[in-house]
């Protein structure tokens, strides 16, 4: 089984769309574990409402809000996962109907997958948040016009899909295109490296650190682009005051491996 580890923090309107998009999957063999980094009661209400009307197994893990501690709550989610394959997703992202199916097709022993995202602008994001329920067919009917108007930053990966193949494989660690909002690995591999580095607090680079340590553990990386794209809702930039320190920690590990 697949476990979707869904990180969220105080944006219930976006989380509602994300959950609704997961409810439309063509592949139904997954559970959802919500890794909640201290959201208020309104997020719990969204989750409870969704749980009451959908058969998907959903677990809500919550920790007290003591600043950005995504690494800690994600490690709890990894430990709680019943699936042997983990897909990491953020609550400000909406998925396509074949998202789980595409990730399952790319899953391969000894590999991790790093997907990509389509960025939505503020205007389109606000429009989607007013929808009564998520409707991918309605959204995709305007892809080309939204691309030309700047509503989305790309549309072809939503229209053209490619299967698995050696061309997806990375030959070495590269920092580019690692998005914690869309990546996947085997649970046993995540546990073998003790999950995310909980010393990395605040926004930034905990995903790159996780991928680097998986690759150091001899897990190969493949690209999930042109298959697993998520729609990333517009939001203001997070507090990045810890980003430089987190980046320094990752570079330190990379240099230590090179010596």
C-alpha atoms as a PDB file:
ATOM      1  CA  UNK A   1       0.000   0.000   0.000  1.00  0.00           C
ATOM      2  CA  UNK A   2       0.985   3.625  -0.512  1.00  0.00           C
ATOM      3  CA  UNK A   3       0.957   6.159   2.327  1.00  0.00           C
ATOM      4  CA  UNK A   4       0.553   9.818   1.396  1.00  0.00           C
ATOM      5  CA  UNK A   5       2.234  11.996   4.014  1.00  0.00           C
ATOM      6  CA  UNK A   6       0.452  15.319   3.716  1.00  0.00           C
ATOM      7  CA  UNK A   7       2.132  18.251   5.493  1.00  0.00           C
ATOM      8  CA  UNK A   8      -0.087  21.177   6.452  1.00  0.00           C
ATOM      9  CA  UNK A   9      -0.148  24.318   8.548  1.00  0.00           C
ATOM     10  CA  UNK A  10      -3.059  26.728   9.011  1.00  0.00           C
ATOM     11  CA  UNK A  11      -4.487  26.885   5.509  1.00  0.00           C
ATOM     12  CA  UNK A  12      -7.709  24.858   5.729  1.00  0.00           C
ATOM     13  CA  UNK A  13      -9.160  26.206   2.469  1.00  0.00           C
ATOM     14  CA  UNK A  14      -6.175  24.888   0.511  1.00  0.00           C
ATOM     15  CA  UNK A  15      -6.151  21.621   2.436  1.00  0.00           C
ATOM     16  CA  UNK A  16      -9.801  21.084   1.496  1.00  0.00           C
ATOM     17  CA  UNK A  17      -8.953  21.315  -2.227  1.00  0.00           C
ATOM     18  CA  UNK A  18      -5.950  19.036  -1.751  1.00  0.00           C
ATOM     19  CA  UNK A  19      -8.038  16.375   0.003  1.00  0.00           C
ATOM     20  CA  UNK A  20     -10.799  16.641  -2.573  1.00  0.00           C
ATOM     21  CA  UNK A  21      -8.262  16.095  -5.351  1.00  0.00           C
ATOM     22  CA  UNK A  22      -6.996  12.982  -3.568  1.00  0.00           C
ATOM     23  CA  UNK A  23     -10.569  11.713  -3.404  1.00  0.00           C
ATOM     24  CA  UNK A  24     -10.724  11.735  -7.227  1.00  0.00           C
ATOM     25  CA  UNK A  25      -7.753   9.405  -7.752  1.00  0.00           C
ATOM     26  CA  UNK A  26      -7.960   6.604 -10.304  1.00  0.00           C
ATOM     27  CA  UNK A  27      -5.816   4.498  -7.951  1.00  0.00           C
ATOM     28  CA  UNK A  28      -7.617   4.066  -4.623  1.00  0.00           C
ATOM     29  CA  UNK A  29      -5.087   1.912  -2.789  1.00  0.00           C
ATOM     30  CA  UNK A  30      -3.597   4.475  -0.439  1.00  0.00           C
ATOM     31  CA  UNK A  31      -3.977   6.031   2.968  1.00  0.00           C
ATOM     32  CA  UNK A  32      -3.537   9.671   3.964  1.00  0.00           C
ATOM     33  CA  UNK A  33      -1.543  10.724   7.008  1.00  0.00           C
ATOM     34  CA  UNK A  34      -1.815  14.435   7.710  1.00  0.00           C
ATOM     35  CA  UNK A  35       1.340  15.830   9.286  1.00  0.00           C
ATOM     36  CA  UNK A  36      -0.005  18.951  10.989  1.00  0.00           C
ATOM     37  CA  UNK A  37       2.625  21.362  12.329  1.00  0.00           C
ATOM     38  CA  UNK A  38       0.333  23.044  14.857  1.00  0.00           C
ATOM     39  CA  UNK A  39      -2.740  24.237  12.939  1.00  0.00           C
ATOM     40  CA  UNK A  40      -5.788  25.623  14.730  1.00  0.00           C
ATOM     41  CA  UNK A  41      -9.212  23.990  15.098  1.00  0.00           C
ATOM     42  CA  UNK A  42     -10.399  25.057  11.625  1.00  0.00           C
ATOM     43  CA  UNK A  43      -7.982  22.613  10.017  1.00  0.00           C
ATOM     44  CA  UNK A  44      -9.294  19.778  12.181  1.00  0.00           C
ATOM     45  CA  UNK A  45     -12.836  20.658  11.113  1.00  0.00           C
ATOM     46  CA  UNK A  46     -11.893  20.339   7.440  1.00  0.00           C
ATOM     47  CA  UNK A  47     -10.298  16.969   8.102  1.00  0.00           C
ATOM     48  CA  UNK A  48     -13.263  15.683  10.133  1.00  0.00           C
ATOM     49  CA  UNK A  49     -15.728  16.791   7.441  1.00  0.00           C
ATOM     50  CA  UNK A  50     -13.700  15.089   4.721  1.00  0.00           C
ATOM     51  CA  UNK A  51     -13.323  11.909   6.778  1.00  0.00           C
ATOM     52  CA  UNK A  52     -17.077  11.720   7.344  1.00  0.00           C
ATOM     53  CA  UNK A  53     -17.891  11.800   3.631  1.00  0.00           C
ATOM     54  CA  UNK A  54     -15.059   9.789   2.059  1.00  0.00           C
ATOM     55  CA  UNK A  55     -13.950   6.160   2.562  1.00  0.00           C
ATOM     56  CA  UNK A  56     -10.230   6.946   2.375  1.00  0.00           C
ATOM     57  CA  UNK A  57      -8.278   5.999   5.496  1.00  0.00           C
ATOM     58  CA  UNK A  58      -7.072   9.260   7.018  1.00  0.00           C
ATOM     59  CA  UNK A  59      -4.967   9.852  10.131  1.00  0.00           C
ATOM     60  CA  UNK A  60      -4.439  13.305  11.602  1.00  0.00           C
ATOM     61  CA  UNK A  61      -1.152  13.808  13.464  1.00  0.00           C
ATOM     62  CA  UNK A  62      -0.813  17.143  15.251  1.00  0.00           C
ATOM     63  CA  UNK A  63       1.936  18.810  17.230  1.00  0.00           C
ATOM     64  CA  UNK A  64       1.947  22.069  19.167  1.00  0.00           C
ATOM     65  CA  UNK A  65       2.812  25.187  17.185  1.00  0.00           C
ATOM     66  CA  UNK A  66       6.354  26.038  18.258  1.00  0.00           C
ATOM     67  CA  UNK A  67       7.551  27.445  14.970  1.00  0.00           C
ATOM     68  CA  UNK A  68       8.325  25.626  11.716  1.00  0.00           C
ATOM     69  CA  UNK A  69       9.010  22.025  12.767  1.00  0.00           C
ATOM     70  CA  UNK A  70       7.966  20.190   9.635  1.00  0.00           C
ATOM     71  CA  UNK A  71      10.807  17.689   9.969  1.00  0.00           C
ATOM     72  CA  UNK A  72       9.584  16.507  13.365  1.00  0.00           C
ATOM     73  CA  UNK A  73       5.951  15.949  12.376  1.00  0.00           C
ATOM     74  CA  UNK A  74       6.983  14.272   9.115  1.00  0.00           C
ATOM     75  CA  UNK A  75       9.095  11.801  11.069  1.00  0.00           C
ATOM     76  CA  UNK A  76       6.040  10.966  13.142  1.00  0.00           C
ATOM     77  CA  UNK A  77       4.108  10.447   9.920  1.00  0.00           C
ATOM     78  CA  UNK A  78       6.800   8.117   8.548  1.00  0.00           C
ATOM     79  CA  UNK A  79       6.635   6.041  11.722  1.00  0.00           C
ATOM     80  CA  UNK A  80       2.822   5.897  11.552  1.00  0.00           C
ATOM     81  CA  UNK A  81       2.622   4.932   7.878  1.00  0.00           C
ATOM     82  CA  UNK A  82       1.102   1.528   7.161  1.00  0.00           C
ATOM     83  CA  UNK A  83       2.241   1.583   3.553  1.00  0.00           C
ATOM     84  CA  UNK A  84       5.652   0.401   2.401  1.00  0.00           C
ATOM     85  CA  UNK A  85       5.892   3.284  -0.101  1.00  0.00           C
ATOM     86  CA  UNK A  86       5.653   6.942   0.924  1.00  0.00           C
ATOM     87  CA  UNK A  87       4.531   9.912  -1.156  1.00  0.00           C
ATOM     88  CA  UNK A  88       5.265  13.311   0.382  1.00  0.00           C
ATOM     89  CA  UNK A  89       2.788  16.056  -0.454  1.00  0.00           C
ATOM     90  CA  UNK A  90       2.030  19.533   0.890  1.00  0.00           C
ATOM     91  CA  UNK A  91      -1.421  20.799   1.803  1.00  0.00           C
ATOM     92  CA  UNK A  92      -1.075  23.799  -0.525  1.00  0.00           C
ATOM     93  CA  UNK A  93      -0.888  21.518  -3.555  1.00  0.00           C
ATOM     94  CA  UNK A  94      -3.655  19.999  -5.671  1.00  0.00           C
ATOM     95  CA  UNK A  95      -3.038  16.709  -7.467  1.00  0.00           C
ATOM     96  CA  UNK A  96      -4.149  15.354 -10.834  1.00  0.00           C
ATOM     97  CA  UNK A  97      -6.470  12.318 -10.915  1.00  0.00           C
ATOM     98  CA  UNK A  98      -3.602  10.011 -11.933  1.00  0.00           C
ATOM     99  CA  UNK A  99      -1.155  11.356  -9.330  1.00  0.00           C
ATOM    100  CA  UNK A 100      -1.055   8.193  -7.197  1.00  0.00           C
ATOM    101  CA  UNK A 101      -1.148   5.905 -10.232  1.00  0.00           C
ATOM    102  CA  UNK A 102       1.792   7.714 -11.840  1.00  0.00           C
ATOM    103  CA  UNK A 103       3.824   7.554  -8.642  1.00  0.00           C
ATOM    104  CA  UNK A 104       3.049   3.841  -8.357  1.00  0.00           C
ATOM    105  CA  UNK A 105       4.282   3.309 -11.932  1.00  0.00           C
ATOM    106  CA  UNK A 106       7.558   5.073 -11.106  1.00  0.00           C
ATOM    107  CA  UNK A 107       8.117   3.245  -7.797  1.00  0.00           C
ATOM    108  CA  UNK A 108      11.136   0.996  -8.047  1.00  0.00           C
ATOM    109  CA  UNK A 109      13.260  -0.772  -5.437  1.00  0.00           C
ATOM    110  CA  UNK A 110      16.407   1.176  -4.665  1.00  0.00           C
ATOM    111  CA  UNK A 111      15.003   4.471  -5.987  1.00  0.00           C
ATOM    112  CA  UNK A 112      13.411   7.680  -4.755  1.00  0.00           C
ATOM    113  CA  UNK A 113      11.334   9.989  -6.946  1.00  0.00           C
ATOM    114  CA  UNK A 114      11.398  13.782  -6.995  1.00  0.00           C
ATOM    115  CA  UNK A 115       8.382  15.261  -8.756  1.00  0.00           C
ATOM    116  CA  UNK A 116       7.728  18.778  -9.933  1.00  0.00           C
ATOM    117  CA  UNK A 117       5.021  21.394  -9.646  1.00  0.00           C
ATOM    118  CA  UNK A 118       3.006  23.840 -11.699  1.00  0.00           C
ATOM    119  CA  UNK A 119       2.904  27.269 -10.069  1.00  0.00           C
ATOM    120  CA  UNK A 120      -0.422  29.104  -9.927  1.00  0.00           C
ATOM    121  CA  UNK A 121      -0.594  32.876  -9.646  1.00  0.00           C
ATOM    122  CA  UNK A 122      -2.516  34.722  -6.961  1.00  0.00           C
ATOM    123  CA  UNK A 123      -5.562  35.470  -9.111  1.00  0.00           C
ATOM    124  CA  UNK A 124      -6.126  31.865 -10.174  1.00  0.00           C
ATOM    125  CA  UNK A 125      -5.458  30.619  -6.651  1.00  0.00           C
ATOM    126  CA  UNK A 126      -8.103  32.902  -5.186  1.00  0.00           C
ATOM    127  CA  UNK A 127     -10.564  31.764  -7.845  1.00  0.00           C
ATOM    128  CA  UNK A 128     -10.008  28.075  -7.057  1.00  0.00           C
ATOM    129  CA  UNK A 129     -10.467  28.693  -3.335  1.00  0.00           C
ATOM    130  CA  UNK A 130     -14.016  29.874  -4.070  1.00  0.00           C
ATOM    131  CA  UNK A 131     -14.985  26.626  -5.813  1.00  0.00           C
ATOM    132  CA  UNK A 132     -17.532  24.552  -3.907  1.00  0.00           C
ATOM    133  CA  UNK A 133     -15.508  21.443  -4.701  1.00  0.00           C
ATOM    134  CA  UNK A 134     -12.423  20.571  -6.723  1.00  0.00           C
ATOM    135  CA  UNK A 135     -13.014  19.686 -10.378  1.00  0.00           C
ATOM    136  CA  UNK A 136      -9.945  18.782 -12.450  1.00  0.00           C
ATOM    137  CA  UNK A 137     -11.875  18.612 -15.732  1.00  0.00           C
ATOM    138  CA  UNK A 138     -13.106  22.172 -15.176  1.00  0.00           C
ATOM    139  CA  UNK A 139      -9.583  23.342 -14.338  1.00  0.00           C
ATOM    140  CA  UNK A 140      -7.904  21.603 -17.279  1.00  0.00           C
ATOM    141  CA  UNK A 141     -10.395  23.015 -19.801  1.00  0.00           C
ATOM    142  CA  UNK A 142      -8.573  26.371 -19.600  1.00  0.00           C
ATOM    143  CA  UNK A 143      -4.945  25.262 -19.434  1.00  0.00           C
ATOM    144  CA  UNK A 144      -3.710  26.989 -22.575  1.00  0.00           C
ATOM    145  CA  UNK A 145      -5.468  30.277 -21.860  1.00  0.00           C
ATOM    146  CA  UNK A 146      -4.233  30.234 -18.254  1.00  0.00           C
ATOM    147  CA  UNK A 147      -0.704  29.637 -19.502  1.00  0.00           C
ATOM    148  CA  UNK A 148      -0.820  32.647 -21.829  1.00  0.00           C
ATOM    149  CA  UNK A 149      -2.450  34.868 -19.196  1.00  0.00           C
ATOM    150  CA  UNK A 150       0.095  33.899 -16.524  1.00  0.00           C
ATOM    151  CA  UNK A 151      -2.292  31.921 -14.364  1.00  0.00           C
ATOM    152  CA  UNK A 152       0.078  28.939 -14.509  1.00  0.00           C
ATOM    153  CA  UNK A 153       3.781  28.859 -15.335  1.00  0.00           C
ATOM    154  CA  UNK A 154       3.571  25.774 -17.589  1.00  0.00           C
ATOM    155  CA  UNK A 155       0.892  23.557 -19.078  1.00  0.00           C
ATOM    156  CA  UNK A 156       2.490  20.913 -21.323  1.00  0.00           C
ATOM    157  CA  UNK A 157       3.413  18.544 -18.420  1.00  0.00           C
ATOM    158  CA  UNK A 158      -0.294  18.518 -17.506  1.00  0.00           C
ATOM    159  CA  UNK A 159      -1.223  17.564 -21.066  1.00  0.00           C
ATOM    160  CA  UNK A 160       1.592  15.182 -22.036  1.00  0.00           C
ATOM    161  CA  UNK A 161       2.719  12.292 -19.820  1.00  0.00           C
ATOM    162  CA  UNK A 162       5.734  10.010 -20.165  1.00  0.00           C
ATOM    163  CA  UNK A 163       6.311   6.620 -18.573  1.00  0.00           C
ATOM    164  CA  UNK A 164       9.265   5.188 -16.707  1.00  0.00           C
ATOM    165  CA  UNK A 165      12.728   4.854 -18.207  1.00  0.00           C
ATOM    166  CA  UNK A 166      16.421   5.227 -17.595  1.00  0.00           C
ATOM    167  CA  UNK A 167      16.308   8.784 -18.916  1.00  0.00           C
ATOM    168  CA  UNK A 168      14.679   9.752 -15.609  1.00  0.00           C
ATOM    169  CA  UNK A 169      17.710   8.693 -13.539  1.00  0.00           C
ATOM    170  CA  UNK A 170      20.086  11.195 -11.960  1.00  0.00           C
ATOM    171  CA  UNK A 171      23.731  10.144 -12.064  1.00  0.00           C
ATOM    172  CA  UNK A 172      24.744  12.144  -8.981  1.00  0.00           C
ATOM    173  CA  UNK A 173      23.292  14.425  -6.319  1.00  0.00           C
ATOM    174  CA  UNK A 174      22.106  17.770  -7.626  1.00  0.00           C
ATOM    175  CA  UNK A 175      20.257  20.343  -5.563  1.00  0.00           C
ATOM    176  CA  UNK A 176      17.975  21.411  -8.414  1.00  0.00           C
ATOM    177  CA  UNK A 177      14.351  20.347  -8.696  1.00  0.00           C
ATOM    178  CA  UNK A 178      13.987  18.869  -5.228  1.00  0.00           C
ATOM    179  CA  UNK A 179      10.503  19.752  -4.015  1.00  0.00           C
ATOM    180  CA  UNK A 180       9.356  18.449  -0.651  1.00  0.00           C
ATOM    181  CA  UNK A 181       5.789  19.031  -1.799  1.00  0.00           C
ATOM    182  CA  UNK A 182       6.097  16.169  -4.294  1.00  0.00           C
ATOM    183  CA  UNK A 183       8.531  13.325  -3.731  1.00  0.00           C
ATOM    184  CA  UNK A 184       8.420   9.644  -2.857  1.00  0.00           C
ATOM    185  CA  UNK A 185      10.552   6.846  -1.424  1.00  0.00           C
ATOM    186  CA  UNK A 186      10.287   3.453   0.269  1.00  0.00           C
ATOM    187  CA  UNK A 187       9.506   3.544   3.965  1.00  0.00           C
ATOM    188  CA  UNK A 188      12.406   1.244   4.808  1.00  0.00           C
ATOM    189  CA  UNK A 189      14.823   3.623   3.060  1.00  0.00           C
ATOM    190  CA  UNK A 190      13.433   6.642   4.941  1.00  0.00           C
ATOM    191  CA  UNK A 191      13.806   4.781   8.239  1.00  0.00           C
ATOM    192  CA  UNK A 192      17.319   3.600   7.373  1.00  0.00           C
ATOM    193  CA  UNK A 193      18.503   7.242   7.362  1.00  0.00           C
ATOM    194  CA  UNK A 194      16.395   8.122  10.441  1.00  0.00           C
ATOM    195  CA  UNK A 195      14.007  10.240   8.413  1.00  0.00           C
ATOM    196  CA  UNK A 196      14.344  14.001   8.259  1.00  0.00           C
ATOM    197  CA  UNK A 197      16.994  15.902  10.216  1.00  0.00           C
ATOM    198  CA  UNK A 198      14.976  17.399  13.088  1.00  0.00           C
ATOM    199  CA  UNK A 199      17.795  19.844  13.831  1.00  0.00           C
ATOM    200  CA  UNK A 200      16.702  21.637  10.667  1.00  0.00           C
ATOM    201  CA  UNK A 201      13.947  23.973  11.829  1.00  0.00           C
ATOM    202  CA  UNK A 202      12.435  26.891   9.969  1.00  0.00           C
ATOM    203  CA  UNK A 203      11.681  26.907   6.250  1.00  0.00           C
ATOM    204  CA  UNK A 204      14.188  25.658   3.742  1.00  0.00           C
ATOM    205  CA  UNK A 205      16.289  22.765   2.420  1.00  0.00           C
ATOM    206  CA  UNK A 206      15.096  19.974   4.718  1.00  0.00           C
ATOM    207  CA  UNK A 207      13.943  18.230   1.530  1.00  0.00           C
ATOM    208  CA  UNK A 208      17.356  18.544  -0.163  1.00  0.00           C
ATOM    209  CA  UNK A 209      19.015  17.199   2.977  1.00  0.00           C
ATOM    210  CA  UNK A 210      16.627  14.226   2.996  1.00  0.00           C
ATOM    211  CA  UNK A 211      17.308  13.428  -0.666  1.00  0.00           C
ATOM    212  CA  UNK A 212      21.072  13.819  -0.249  1.00  0.00           C
ATOM    213  CA  UNK A 213      21.166  11.423   2.689  1.00  0.00           C
ATOM    214  CA  UNK A 214      19.019   8.893   0.802  1.00  0.00           C
ATOM    215  CA  UNK A 215      21.438   9.045  -2.125  1.00  0.00           C
ATOM    216  CA  UNK A 216      24.373   8.710   0.267  1.00  0.00           C
ATOM    217  CA  UNK A 217      22.588   5.560   1.482  1.00  0.00           C
ATOM    218  CA  UNK A 218      22.852   4.274  -2.118  1.00  0.00           C
ATOM    219  CA  UNK A 219      19.265   5.064  -3.078  1.00  0.00           C
ATOM    220  CA  UNK A 220      19.139   6.319  -6.660  1.00  0.00           C
ATOM    221  CA  UNK A 221      17.086   9.346  -7.630  1.00  0.00           C
ATOM    222  CA  UNK A 222      14.731   9.549 -10.575  1.00  0.00           C
ATOM    223  CA  UNK A 223      12.682  12.439 -11.897  1.00  0.00           C
ATOM    224  CA  UNK A 224       8.900  12.399 -11.642  1.00  0.00           C
ATOM    225  CA  UNK A 225       8.529  15.280 -14.095  1.00  0.00           C
ATOM    226  CA  UNK A 226       6.122  14.848 -17.015  1.00  0.00           C
ATOM    227  CA  UNK A 227       4.121  12.409 -14.903  1.00  0.00           C
ATOM    228  CA  UNK A 228       3.363  13.506 -11.334  1.00  0.00           C
ATOM    229  CA  UNK A 229       3.060  17.322 -11.487  1.00  0.00           C
ATOM    230  CA  UNK A 230       1.119  18.976  -8.669  1.00  0.00           C
ATOM    231  CA  UNK A 231      -0.631  22.343  -8.788  1.00  0.00           C
ATOM    232  CA  UNK A 232       1.024  24.623  -6.261  1.00  0.00           C
ATOM    233  CA  UNK A 233      -1.283  27.337  -4.927  1.00  0.00           C
ATOM    234  CA  UNK A 234       0.108  30.845  -4.618  1.00  0.00           C
ATOM    235  CA  UNK A 235       1.004  32.067  -1.144  1.00  0.00           C
ATOM    236  CA  UNK A 236       3.264  34.658   0.398  1.00  0.00           C
ATOM    237  CA  UNK A 237       6.882  33.670   0.921  1.00  0.00           C
ATOM    238  CA  UNK A 238       7.545  31.924   4.210  1.00  0.00           C
ATOM    239  CA  UNK A 239       9.952  33.281   6.817  1.00  0.00           C
ATOM    240  CA  UNK A 240      13.319  32.266   5.377  1.00  0.00           C
ATOM    241  CA  UNK A 241      15.503  33.416   8.269  1.00  0.00           C
ATOM    242  CA  UNK A 242      16.708  29.840   8.885  1.00  0.00           C
ATOM    243  CA  UNK A 243      17.219  28.959   5.233  1.00  0.00           C
ATOM    244  CA  UNK A 244      20.888  29.976   5.090  1.00  0.00           C
ATOM    245  CA  UNK A 245      21.747  27.915   8.169  1.00  0.00           C
ATOM    246  CA  UNK A 246      19.844  24.912   6.837  1.00  0.00           C
ATOM    247  CA  UNK A 247      21.660  25.212   3.508  1.00  0.00           C
ATOM    248  CA  UNK A 248      24.978  25.378   5.348  1.00  0.00           C
ATOM    249  CA  UNK A 249      24.162  22.121   7.147  1.00  0.00           C
ATOM    250  CA  UNK A 250      23.435  20.376   3.858  1.00  0.00           C
ATOM    251  CA  UNK A 251      26.644  21.661   2.237  1.00  0.00           C
ATOM    252  CA  UNK A 252      28.590  20.500   5.281  1.00  0.00           C
ATOM    253  CA  UNK A 253      27.280  16.956   4.796  1.00  0.00           C
ATOM    254  CA  UNK A 254      28.068  17.064   1.087  1.00  0.00           C
ATOM    255  CA  UNK A 255      31.639  18.182   1.754  1.00  0.00           C
ATOM    256  CA  UNK A 256      32.077  15.538   4.445  1.00  0.00           C
ATOM    257  CA  UNK A 257      31.112  12.852   1.936  1.00  0.00           C
ATOM    258  CA  UNK A 258      33.582  14.207  -0.629  1.00  0.00           C
ATOM    259  CA  UNK A 259      36.522  14.048   1.779  1.00  0.00           C
END
